[in-house]
Amino acid sequence: MVDRHYRQVIEKDKDVQEFWALTPAKVQTLKLEVKLPKEAQSREWPTKRKLASLIKQRPVSQVAKEFGVSDVAVRKHCRKLGLDLPERGYWQKKRAGKLGSA
């Protein structure tokens, strides 16, 4: 499979031989430098009480835009703080007037 799909990518036979001659010991002698992405910036979050209030007032996606993060980040932070989030579809039901007191 490798021969069929990748052999044509490397045109020079010398380069192919060098690639297949790589071993862990040889790679260590090459002293390759790997640049890793910077760590995510730590973000200042509101207090637990304030975040709970925001989550009850509007959808998580809108709260996320306010803080410049994804809705997943807000959900994870809420879970970390032990906050309950509205069930899926809650805001659509509320807009449609289909939330009754059961």
PDB file of N, CA and C in Angstrom:
ATOM      1  N   MET A   1       0.816  -1.180   0.000  1.00  0.00           N
ATOM      2  CA  MET A   1       0.000   0.000   0.000  1.00  0.00           C
ATOM      3  C   MET A   1       0.870   1.258   0.000  1.00  0.00           C
ATOM      4  N   VAL A   2       1.881   1.292   0.846  1.00  0.00           N
ATOM      5  CA  VAL A   2       2.753   2.462   0.895  1.00  0.00           C
ATOM      6  C   VAL A   2       3.406   2.664  -0.461  1.00  0.00           C
ATOM      7  N   ASP A   3       3.882   1.588  -1.034  1.00  0.00           N
ATOM      8  CA  ASP A   3       4.545   1.685  -2.334  1.00  0.00           C
ATOM      9  C   ASP A   3       3.574   2.217  -3.385  1.00  0.00           C
ATOM     10  N   ARG A   4       2.356   1.732  -3.363  1.00  0.00           N
ATOM     11  CA  ARG A   4       1.365   2.120  -4.361  1.00  0.00           C
ATOM     12  C   ARG A   4       0.937   3.584  -4.215  1.00  0.00           C
ATOM     13  N   HIS A   5       0.760   4.068  -2.950  1.00  0.00           N
ATOM     14  CA  HIS A   5       0.216   5.402  -2.748  1.00  0.00           C
ATOM     15  C   HIS A   5       1.255   6.498  -2.560  1.00  0.00           C
ATOM     16  N   TYR A   6       2.406   6.146  -2.007  1.00  0.00           N
ATOM     17  CA  TYR A   6       3.341   7.194  -1.629  1.00  0.00           C
ATOM     18  C   TYR A   6       4.658   7.176  -2.388  1.00  0.00           C
ATOM     19  N   ARG A   7       4.972   6.135  -3.058  1.00  0.00           N
ATOM     20  CA  ARG A   7       6.249   6.046  -3.760  1.00  0.00           C
ATOM     21  C   ARG A   7       6.380   7.134  -4.817  1.00  0.00           C
ATOM     22  N   GLN A   8       5.293   7.486  -5.494  1.00  0.00           N
ATOM     23  CA  GLN A   8       5.352   8.494  -6.537  1.00  0.00           C
ATOM     24  C   GLN A   8       5.532   9.909  -5.978  1.00  0.00           C
ATOM     25  N   VAL A   9       5.217  10.113  -4.729  1.00  0.00           N
ATOM     26  CA  VAL A   9       5.345  11.437  -4.144  1.00  0.00           C
ATOM     27  C   VAL A   9       6.816  11.834  -4.058  1.00  0.00           C
ATOM     28  N   ILE A  10       7.666  10.891  -3.703  1.00  0.00           N
ATOM     29  CA  ILE A  10       9.104  11.142  -3.628  1.00  0.00           C
ATOM     30  C   ILE A  10       9.720  10.632  -4.929  1.00  0.00           C
ATOM     31  N   GLU A  11      10.255  11.559  -5.677  1.00  0.00           N
ATOM     32  CA  GLU A  11      10.727  11.198  -7.007  1.00  0.00           C
ATOM     33  C   GLU A  11      12.141  10.653  -7.034  1.00  0.00           C
ATOM     34  N   LYS A  12      12.984  11.113  -6.134  1.00  0.00           N
ATOM     35  CA  LYS A  12      14.387  10.684  -6.156  1.00  0.00           C
ATOM     36  C   LYS A  12      14.566   9.429  -5.325  1.00  0.00           C
ATOM     37  N   ASP A  13      15.211   8.441  -5.909  1.00  0.00           N
ATOM     38  CA  ASP A  13      15.428   7.179  -5.219  1.00  0.00           C
ATOM     39  C   ASP A  13      16.265   7.378  -3.958  1.00  0.00           C
ATOM     40  N   LYS A  14      17.192   8.318  -3.994  1.00  0.00           N
ATOM     41  CA  LYS A  14      18.050   8.592  -2.838  1.00  0.00           C
ATOM     42  C   LYS A  14      17.195   9.055  -1.657  1.00  0.00           C
ATOM     43  N   ASP A  15      16.211   9.919  -1.914  1.00  0.00           N
ATOM     44  CA  ASP A  15      15.332  10.401  -0.855  1.00  0.00           C
ATOM     45  C   ASP A  15      14.494   9.271  -0.260  1.00  0.00           C
ATOM     46  N   VAL A  16      14.060   8.353  -1.100  1.00  0.00           N
ATOM     47  CA  VAL A  16      13.286   7.204  -0.638  1.00  0.00           C
ATOM     48  C   VAL A  16      14.143   6.354   0.291  1.00  0.00           C
ATOM     49  N   GLN A  17      15.387   6.094  -0.100  1.00  0.00           N
ATOM     50  CA  GLN A  17      16.285   5.274   0.722  1.00  0.00           C
ATOM     51  C   GLN A  17      16.563   5.946   2.069  1.00  0.00           C
ATOM     52  N   GLU A  18      16.737   7.268   2.060  1.00  0.00           N
ATOM     53  CA  GLU A  18      16.982   7.987   3.311  1.00  0.00           C
ATOM     54  C   GLU A  18      15.769   7.898   4.235  1.00  0.00           C
ATOM     55  N   PHE A  19      14.588   8.006   3.653  1.00  0.00           N
ATOM     56  CA  PHE A  19      13.373   7.922   4.464  1.00  0.00           C
ATOM     57  C   PHE A  19      13.264   6.556   5.137  1.00  0.00           C
ATOM     58  N   TRP A  20      13.451   5.494   4.380  1.00  0.00           N
ATOM     59  CA  TRP A  20      13.287   4.149   4.931  1.00  0.00           C
ATOM     60  C   TRP A  20      14.445   3.762   5.843  1.00  0.00           C
ATOM     61  N   ALA A  21      15.516   4.513   5.816  1.00  0.00           N
ATOM     62  CA  ALA A  21      16.646   4.234   6.692  1.00  0.00           C
ATOM     63  C   ALA A  21      16.491   4.905   8.059  1.00  0.00           C
ATOM     64  N   LEU A  22      15.459   5.724   8.216  1.00  0.00           N
ATOM     65  CA  LEU A  22      15.260   6.402   9.493  1.00  0.00           C
ATOM     66  C   LEU A  22      14.950   5.398  10.598  1.00  0.00           C
ATOM     67  N   THR A  23      15.631   5.551  11.691  1.00  0.00           N
ATOM     68  CA  THR A  23      15.396   4.746  12.882  1.00  0.00           C
ATOM     69  C   THR A  23      15.306   5.706  14.062  1.00  0.00           C
ATOM     70  N   PRO A  24      14.783   5.270  15.187  1.00  0.00           N
ATOM     71  CA  PRO A  24      14.705   6.178  16.338  1.00  0.00           C
ATOM     72  C   PRO A  24      16.059   6.782  16.715  1.00  0.00           C
ATOM     73  N   ALA A  25      17.118   5.990  16.657  1.00  0.00           N
ATOM     74  CA  ALA A  25      18.440   6.508  17.007  1.00  0.00           C
ATOM     75  C   ALA A  25      18.878   7.581  16.014  1.00  0.00           C
ATOM     76  N   LYS A  26      18.602   7.351  14.743  1.00  0.00           N
ATOM     77  CA  LYS A  26      18.999   8.327  13.728  1.00  0.00           C
ATOM     78  C   LYS A  26      18.180   9.611  13.854  1.00  0.00           C
ATOM     79  N   VAL A  27      16.907   9.483  14.181  1.00  0.00           N
ATOM     80  CA  VAL A  27      16.056  10.654  14.350  1.00  0.00           C
ATOM     81  C   VAL A  27      16.558  11.505  15.516  1.00  0.00           C
ATOM     82  N   GLN A  28      17.018  10.850  16.588  1.00  0.00           N
ATOM     83  CA  GLN A  28      17.552  11.595  17.733  1.00  0.00           C
ATOM     84  C   GLN A  28      18.791  12.387  17.355  1.00  0.00           C
ATOM     85  N   THR A  29      19.618  11.861  16.479  1.00  0.00           N
ATOM     86  CA  THR A  29      20.832  12.578  16.090  1.00  0.00           C
ATOM     87  C   THR A  29      20.518  13.764  15.192  1.00  0.00           C
ATOM     88  N   LEU A  30      19.341  13.772  14.557  1.00  0.00           N
ATOM     89  CA  LEU A  30      18.989  14.881  13.679  1.00  0.00           C
ATOM     90  C   LEU A  30      18.641  16.150  14.465  1.00  0.00           C
ATOM     91  N   LYS A  31      18.292  16.009  15.748  1.00  0.00           N
ATOM     92  CA  LYS A  31      17.928  17.140  16.614  1.00  0.00           C
ATOM     93  C   LYS A  31      16.873  18.036  15.962  1.00  0.00           C
ATOM     94  N   LEU A  32      15.779  17.412  15.602  1.00  0.00           N
ATOM     95  CA  LEU A  32      14.681  18.153  14.998  1.00  0.00           C
ATOM     96  C   LEU A  32      14.003  19.020  16.046  1.00  0.00           C
ATOM     97  N   GLU A  33      13.582  20.198  15.638  1.00  0.00           N
ATOM     98  CA  GLU A  33      12.912  21.114  16.550  1.00  0.00           C
ATOM     99  C   GLU A  33      11.422  21.091  16.253  1.00  0.00           C
ATOM    100  N   VAL A  34      10.652  20.844  17.272  1.00  0.00           N
ATOM    101  CA  VAL A  34       9.202  20.783  17.129  1.00  0.00           C
ATOM    102  C   VAL A  34       8.609  21.999  17.820  1.00  0.00           C
ATOM    103  N   LYS A  35       7.801  22.745  17.089  1.00  0.00           N
ATOM    104  CA  LYS A  35       7.145  23.916  17.661  1.00  0.00           C
ATOM    105  C   LYS A  35       5.705  23.563  17.974  1.00  0.00           C
ATOM    106  N   LEU A  36       5.402  23.563  19.257  1.00  0.00           N
ATOM    107  CA  LEU A  36       4.051  23.249  19.690  1.00  0.00           C
ATOM    108  C   LEU A  36       3.239  24.536  19.784  1.00  0.00           C
ATOM    109  N   PRO A  37       1.935  24.435  19.595  1.00  0.00           N
ATOM    110  CA  PRO A  37       1.109  25.647  19.707  1.00  0.00           C
ATOM    111  C   PRO A  37       1.138  26.172  21.131  1.00  0.00           C
ATOM    112  N   LYS A  38       0.947  27.462  21.278  1.00  0.00           N
ATOM    113  CA  LYS A  38       0.923  28.077  22.597  1.00  0.00           C
ATOM    114  C   LYS A  38      -0.281  27.563  23.369  1.00  0.00           C
ATOM    115  N   GLU A  39      -0.118  27.536  24.679  1.00  0.00           N
ATOM    116  CA  GLU A  39      -1.229  27.085  25.522  1.00  0.00           C
ATOM    117  C   GLU A  39      -2.378  28.080  25.426  1.00  0.00           C
ATOM    118  N   ALA A  40      -3.561  27.553  25.595  1.00  0.00           N
ATOM    119  CA  ALA A  40      -4.743  28.412  25.539  1.00  0.00           C
ATOM    120  C   ALA A  40      -4.661  29.455  26.650  1.00  0.00           C
ATOM    121  N   GLN A  41      -5.096  30.637  26.325  1.00  0.00           N
ATOM    122  CA  GLN A  41      -5.069  31.712  27.306  1.00  0.00           C
ATOM    123  C   GLN A  41      -6.079  31.414  28.407  1.00  0.00           C
ATOM    124  N   SER A  42      -5.663  31.725  29.628  1.00  0.00           N
ATOM    125  CA  SER A  42      -6.624  31.556  30.710  1.00  0.00           C
ATOM    126  C   SER A  42      -7.615  32.709  30.632  1.00  0.00           C
ATOM    127  N   ARG A  43      -8.848  32.403  30.835  1.00  0.00           N
ATOM    128  CA  ARG A  43      -9.916  33.380  30.667  1.00  0.00           C
ATOM    129  C   ARG A  43     -10.508  33.708  32.027  1.00  0.00           C
ATOM    130  N   GLU A  44     -10.873  34.956  32.201  1.00  0.00           N
ATOM    131  CA  GLU A  44     -11.548  35.348  33.436  1.00  0.00           C
ATOM    132  C   GLU A  44     -13.036  35.066  33.288  1.00  0.00           C
ATOM    133  N   TRP A  45     -13.538  34.224  34.143  1.00  0.00           N
ATOM    134  CA  TRP A  45     -14.939  33.860  34.122  1.00  0.00           C
ATOM    135  C   TRP A  45     -15.668  34.619  35.213  1.00  0.00           C
ATOM    136  N   PRO A  46     -16.963  34.842  35.048  1.00  0.00           N
ATOM    137  CA  PRO A  46     -17.736  35.478  36.119  1.00  0.00           C
ATOM    138  C   PRO A  46     -17.888  34.515  37.293  1.00  0.00           C
ATOM    139  N   THR A  47     -18.382  35.022  38.378  1.00  0.00           N
ATOM    140  CA  THR A  47     -18.615  34.169  39.538  1.00  0.00           C
ATOM    141  C   THR A  47     -19.679  33.128  39.202  1.00  0.00           C
ATOM    142  N   LYS A  48     -19.755  32.113  40.044  1.00  0.00           N
ATOM    143  CA  LYS A  48     -20.728  31.050  39.820  1.00  0.00           C
ATOM    144  C   LYS A  48     -22.149  31.608  39.800  1.00  0.00           C
ATOM    145  N   ARG A  49     -22.439  32.506  40.720  1.00  0.00           N
ATOM    146  CA  ARG A  49     -23.781  33.089  40.811  1.00  0.00           C
ATOM    147  C   ARG A  49     -24.113  33.902  39.560  1.00  0.00           C
ATOM    148  N   LYS A  50     -23.164  34.702  39.096  1.00  0.00           N
ATOM    149  CA  LYS A  50     -23.377  35.544  37.910  1.00  0.00           C
ATOM    150  C   LYS A  50     -23.568  34.673  36.661  1.00  0.00           C
ATOM    151  N   LEU A  51     -22.730  33.637  36.523  1.00  0.00           N
ATOM    152  CA  LEU A  51     -22.840  32.745  35.365  1.00  0.00           C
ATOM    153  C   LEU A  51     -24.181  32.007  35.384  1.00  0.00           C
ATOM    154  N   ALA A  52     -24.600  31.567  36.553  1.00  0.00           N
ATOM    155  CA  ALA A  52     -25.902  30.892  36.663  1.00  0.00           C
ATOM    156  C   ALA A  52     -27.021  31.827  36.228  1.00  0.00           C
ATOM    157  N   SER A  53     -26.917  33.090  36.630  1.00  0.00           N
ATOM    158  CA  SER A  53     -27.920  34.070  36.243  1.00  0.00           C
ATOM    159  C   SER A  53     -27.946  34.277  34.731  1.00  0.00           C
ATOM    160  N   LEU A  54     -26.774  34.379  34.126  1.00  0.00           N
ATOM    161  CA  LEU A  54     -26.696  34.566  32.673  1.00  0.00           C
ATOM    162  C   LEU A  54     -27.285  33.372  31.920  1.00  0.00           C
ATOM    163  N   ILE A  55     -26.990  32.166  32.396  1.00  0.00           N
ATOM    164  CA  ILE A  55     -27.464  30.940  31.737  1.00  0.00           C
ATOM    165  C   ILE A  55     -28.990  30.852  31.811  1.00  0.00           C
ATOM    166  N   LYS A  56     -29.577  31.355  32.885  1.00  0.00           N
ATOM    167  CA  LYS A  56     -31.039  31.311  33.019  1.00  0.00           C
ATOM    168  C   LYS A  56     -31.723  32.381  32.178  1.00  0.00           C
ATOM    169  N   GLN A  57     -30.986  33.438  31.823  1.00  0.00           N
ATOM    170  CA  GLN A  57     -31.583  34.543  31.082  1.00  0.00           C
ATOM    171  C   GLN A  57     -31.566  34.352  29.572  1.00  0.00           C
ATOM    172  N   ARG A  58     -30.535  33.669  29.059  1.00  0.00           N
ATOM    173  CA  ARG A  58     -30.416  33.521  27.597  1.00  0.00           C
ATOM    174  C   ARG A  58     -29.636  32.257  27.231  1.00  0.00           C
ATOM    175  N   PRO A  59     -29.705  31.866  25.961  1.00  0.00           N
ATOM    176  CA  PRO A  59     -29.034  30.635  25.518  1.00  0.00           C
ATOM    177  C   PRO A  59     -27.516  30.680  25.733  1.00  0.00           C
ATOM    178  N   VAL A  60     -26.949  29.508  25.898  1.00  0.00           N
ATOM    179  CA  VAL A  60     -25.509  29.374  26.121  1.00  0.00           C
ATOM    180  C   VAL A  60     -24.722  29.983  24.958  1.00  0.00           C
ATOM    181  N   SER A  61     -25.214  29.838  23.737  1.00  0.00           N
ATOM    182  CA  SER A  61     -24.489  30.372  22.580  1.00  0.00           C
ATOM    183  C   SER A  61     -24.357  31.888  22.665  1.00  0.00           C
ATOM    184  N   GLN A  62     -25.376  32.563  23.180  1.00  0.00           N
ATOM    185  CA  GLN A  62     -25.298  34.021  23.335  1.00  0.00           C
ATOM    186  C   GLN A  62     -24.350  34.414  24.463  1.00  0.00           C
ATOM    187  N   VAL A  63     -24.364  33.659  25.545  1.00  0.00           N
ATOM    188  CA  VAL A  63     -23.441  33.919  26.656  1.00  0.00           C
ATOM    189  C   VAL A  63     -22.008  33.714  26.174  1.00  0.00           C
ATOM    190  N   ALA A  64     -21.810  32.688  25.355  1.00  0.00           N
ATOM    191  CA  ALA A  64     -20.474  32.398  24.831  1.00  0.00           C
ATOM    192  C   ALA A  64     -19.957  33.553  23.978  1.00  0.00           C
ATOM    193  N   LYS A  65     -20.807  34.113  23.131  1.00  0.00           N
ATOM    194  CA  LYS A  65     -20.396  35.247  22.296  1.00  0.00           C
ATOM    195  C   LYS A  65     -19.974  36.429  23.157  1.00  0.00           C
ATOM    196  N   GLU A  66     -20.680  36.625  24.245  1.00  0.00           N
ATOM    197  CA  GLU A  66     -20.367  37.732  25.146  1.00  0.00           C
ATOM    198  C   GLU A  66     -18.951  37.601  25.727  1.00  0.00           C
ATOM    199  N   PHE A  67     -18.534  36.365  25.990  1.00  0.00           N
ATOM    200  CA  PHE A  67     -17.209  36.133  26.571  1.00  0.00           C
ATOM    201  C   PHE A  67     -16.139  35.830  25.528  1.00  0.00           C
ATOM    202  N   GLY A  68     -16.549  35.698  24.270  1.00  0.00           N
ATOM    203  CA  GLY A  68     -15.579  35.425  23.209  1.00  0.00           C
ATOM    204  C   GLY A  68     -15.039  34.014  23.226  1.00  0.00           C
ATOM    205  N   VAL A  69     -15.875  33.072  23.644  1.00  0.00           N
ATOM    206  CA  VAL A  69     -15.494  31.660  23.667  1.00  0.00           C
ATOM    207  C   VAL A  69     -16.581  30.855  22.960  1.00  0.00           C
ATOM    208  N   SER A  70     -16.346  29.563  22.832  1.00  0.00           N
ATOM    209  CA  SER A  70     -17.353  28.708  22.205  1.00  0.00           C
ATOM    210  C   SER A  70     -18.412  28.309  23.235  1.00  0.00           C
ATOM    211  N   ASP A  71     -19.557  27.867  22.730  1.00  0.00           N
ATOM    212  CA  ASP A  71     -20.605  27.406  23.640  1.00  0.00           C
ATOM    213  C   ASP A  71     -20.148  26.164  24.399  1.00  0.00           C
ATOM    214  N   VAL A  72     -19.293  25.371  23.779  1.00  0.00           N
ATOM    215  CA  VAL A  72     -18.760  24.176  24.444  1.00  0.00           C
ATOM    216  C   VAL A  72     -17.917  24.586  25.653  1.00  0.00           C
ATOM    217  N   ALA A  73     -17.131  25.649  25.505  1.00  0.00           N
ATOM    218  CA  ALA A  73     -16.311  26.133  26.616  1.00  0.00           C
ATOM    219  C   ALA A  73     -17.191  26.577  27.778  1.00  0.00           C
ATOM    220  N   VAL A  74     -18.288  27.255  27.465  1.00  0.00           N
ATOM    221  CA  VAL A  74     -19.207  27.702  28.527  1.00  0.00           C
ATOM    222  C   VAL A  74     -19.835  26.490  29.199  1.00  0.00           C
ATOM    223  N   ARG A  75     -20.273  25.520  28.399  1.00  0.00           N
ATOM    224  CA  ARG A  75     -20.878  24.312  28.972  1.00  0.00           C
ATOM    225  C   ARG A  75     -19.891  23.579  29.886  1.00  0.00           C
ATOM    226  N   LYS A  76     -18.643  23.457  29.447  1.00  0.00           N
ATOM    227  CA  LYS A  76     -17.631  22.776  30.263  1.00  0.00           C
ATOM    228  C   LYS A  76     -17.400  23.528  31.571  1.00  0.00           C
ATOM    229  N   HIS A  77     -17.357  24.847  31.490  1.00  0.00           N
ATOM    230  CA  HIS A  77     -17.130  25.632  32.698  1.00  0.00           C
ATOM    231  C   HIS A  77     -18.317  25.491  33.650  1.00  0.00           C
ATOM    232  N   CYS A  78     -19.524  25.497  33.104  1.00  0.00           N
ATOM    233  CA  CYS A  78     -20.714  25.302  33.938  1.00  0.00           C
ATOM    234  C   CYS A  78     -20.687  23.931  34.611  1.00  0.00           C
ATOM    235  N   ARG A  79     -20.303  22.916  33.864  1.00  0.00           N
ATOM    236  CA  ARG A  79     -20.225  21.564  34.417  1.00  0.00           C
ATOM    237  C   ARG A  79     -19.187  21.519  35.540  1.00  0.00           C
ATOM    238  N   LYS A  80     -18.060  22.201  35.321  1.00  0.00           N
ATOM    239  CA  LYS A  80     -16.993  22.259  36.322  1.00  0.00           C
ATOM    240  C   LYS A  80     -17.483  22.915  37.615  1.00  0.00           C
ATOM    241  N   LEU A  81     -18.340  23.938  37.478  1.00  0.00           N
ATOM    242  CA  LEU A  81     -18.882  24.639  38.643  1.00  0.00           C
ATOM    243  C   LEU A  81     -20.098  23.935  39.240  1.00  0.00           C
ATOM    244  N   GLY A  82     -20.608  22.927  38.536  1.00  0.00           N
ATOM    245  CA  GLY A  82     -21.776  22.195  39.024  1.00  0.00           C
ATOM    246  C   GLY A  82     -23.098  22.889  38.733  1.00  0.00           C
ATOM    247  N   LEU A  83     -23.115  23.699  37.688  1.00  0.00           N
ATOM    248  CA  LEU A  83     -24.339  24.407  37.307  1.00  0.00           C
ATOM    249  C   LEU A  83     -25.170  23.550  36.356  1.00  0.00           C
ATOM    250  N   ASP A  84     -26.475  23.558  36.569  1.00  0.00           N
ATOM    251  CA  ASP A  84     -27.376  22.845  35.670  1.00  0.00           C
ATOM    252  C   ASP A  84     -27.720  23.744  34.493  1.00  0.00           C
ATOM    253  N   LEU A  85     -27.697  23.184  33.312  1.00  0.00           N
ATOM    254  CA  LEU A  85     -28.053  23.918  32.096  1.00  0.00           C
ATOM    255  C   LEU A  85     -29.459  23.531  31.667  1.00  0.00           C
ATOM    256  N   PRO A  86     -30.165  24.435  31.001  1.00  0.00           N
ATOM    257  CA  PRO A  86     -31.483  24.067  30.476  1.00  0.00           C
ATOM    258  C   PRO A  86     -31.357  22.901  29.487  1.00  0.00           C
ATOM    259  N   GLU A  87     -32.395  22.094  29.423  1.00  0.00           N
ATOM    260  CA  GLU A  87     -32.361  20.949  28.505  1.00  0.00           C
ATOM    261  C   GLU A  87     -32.345  21.425  27.061  1.00  0.00           C
ATOM    262  N   ARG A  88     -31.960  20.543  26.176  1.00  0.00           N
ATOM    263  CA  ARG A  88     -31.930  20.884  24.755  1.00  0.00           C
ATOM    264  C   ARG A  88     -33.316  21.284  24.283  1.00  0.00           C
ATOM    265  N   GLY A  89     -33.357  22.344  23.500  1.00  0.00           N
ATOM    266  CA  GLY A  89     -34.616  22.804  22.953  1.00  0.00           C
ATOM    267  C   GLY A  89     -35.401  23.714  23.876  1.00  0.00           C
ATOM    268  N   TYR A  90     -34.890  23.976  25.070  1.00  0.00           N
ATOM    269  CA  TYR A  90     -35.605  24.804  26.044  1.00  0.00           C
ATOM    270  C   TYR A  90     -35.934  26.181  25.486  1.00  0.00           C
ATOM    271  N   TRP A  91     -34.948  26.838  24.868  1.00  0.00           N
ATOM    272  CA  TRP A  91     -35.152  28.216  24.395  1.00  0.00           C
ATOM    273  C   TRP A  91     -36.100  28.260  23.200  1.00  0.00           C
ATOM    274  N   GLN A  92     -36.084  27.247  22.343  1.00  0.00           N
ATOM    275  CA  GLN A  92     -37.027  27.191  21.224  1.00  0.00           C
ATOM    276  C   GLN A  92     -38.453  27.001  21.745  1.00  0.00           C
ATOM    277  N   LYS A  93     -38.599  26.133  22.737  1.00  0.00           N
ATOM    278  CA  LYS A  93     -39.917  25.908  23.321  1.00  0.00           C
ATOM    279  C   LYS A  93     -40.427  27.171  23.997  1.00  0.00           C
ATOM    280  N   LYS A  94     -39.543  27.863  24.678  1.00  0.00           N
ATOM    281  CA  LYS A  94     -39.938  29.083  25.365  1.00  0.00           C
ATOM    282  C   LYS A  94     -40.399  30.138  24.374  1.00  0.00           C
ATOM    283  N   ARG A  95     -39.640  30.293  23.259  1.00  0.00           N
ATOM    284  CA  ARG A  95     -40.039  31.265  22.233  1.00  0.00           C
ATOM    285  C   ARG A  95     -41.370  30.899  21.603  1.00  0.00           C
ATOM    286  N   ALA A  96     -41.616  29.610  21.476  1.00  0.00           N
ATOM    287  CA  ALA A  96     -42.864  29.154  20.857  1.00  0.00           C
ATOM    288  C   ALA A  96     -44.030  29.155  21.844  1.00  0.00           C
ATOM    289  N   GLY A  97     -43.732  29.423  23.111  1.00  0.00           N
ATOM    290  CA  GLY A  97     -44.801  29.453  24.116  1.00  0.00           C
ATOM    291  C   GLY A  97     -45.282  28.072  24.488  1.00  0.00           C
ATOM    292  N   LYS A  98     -44.442  27.068  24.333  1.00  0.00           N
ATOM    293  CA  LYS A  98     -44.869  25.692  24.604  1.00  0.00           C
ATOM    294  C   LYS A  98     -44.392  25.182  25.970  1.00  0.00           C
ATOM    295  N   LEU A  99     -43.881  26.092  26.785  1.00  0.00           N
ATOM    296  CA  LEU A  99     -43.472  25.666  28.131  1.00  0.00           C
ATOM    297  C   LEU A  99     -44.638  25.937  29.062  1.00  0.00           C
ATOM    298  N   GLY A 100     -45.283  24.872  29.491  1.00  0.00           N
ATOM    299  CA  GLY A 100     -46.401  25.023  30.412  1.00  0.00           C
ATOM    300  C   GLY A 100     -45.975  24.554  31.786  1.00  0.00           C
ATOM    301  N   SER A 101     -46.691  24.926  32.775  1.00  0.00           N
ATOM    302  CA  SER A 101     -46.382  24.435  34.114  1.00  0.00           C
ATOM    303  C   SER A 101     -47.028  23.066  34.244  1.00  0.00           C
ATOM    304  N   ALA A 102     -46.196  22.059  34.416  1.00  0.00           N
ATOM    305  CA  ALA A 102     -46.703  20.696  34.447  1.00  0.00           C
ATOM    306  C   ALA A 102     -46.884  20.201  35.842  1.00  0.00           C
TER     307      ALA A 102
END
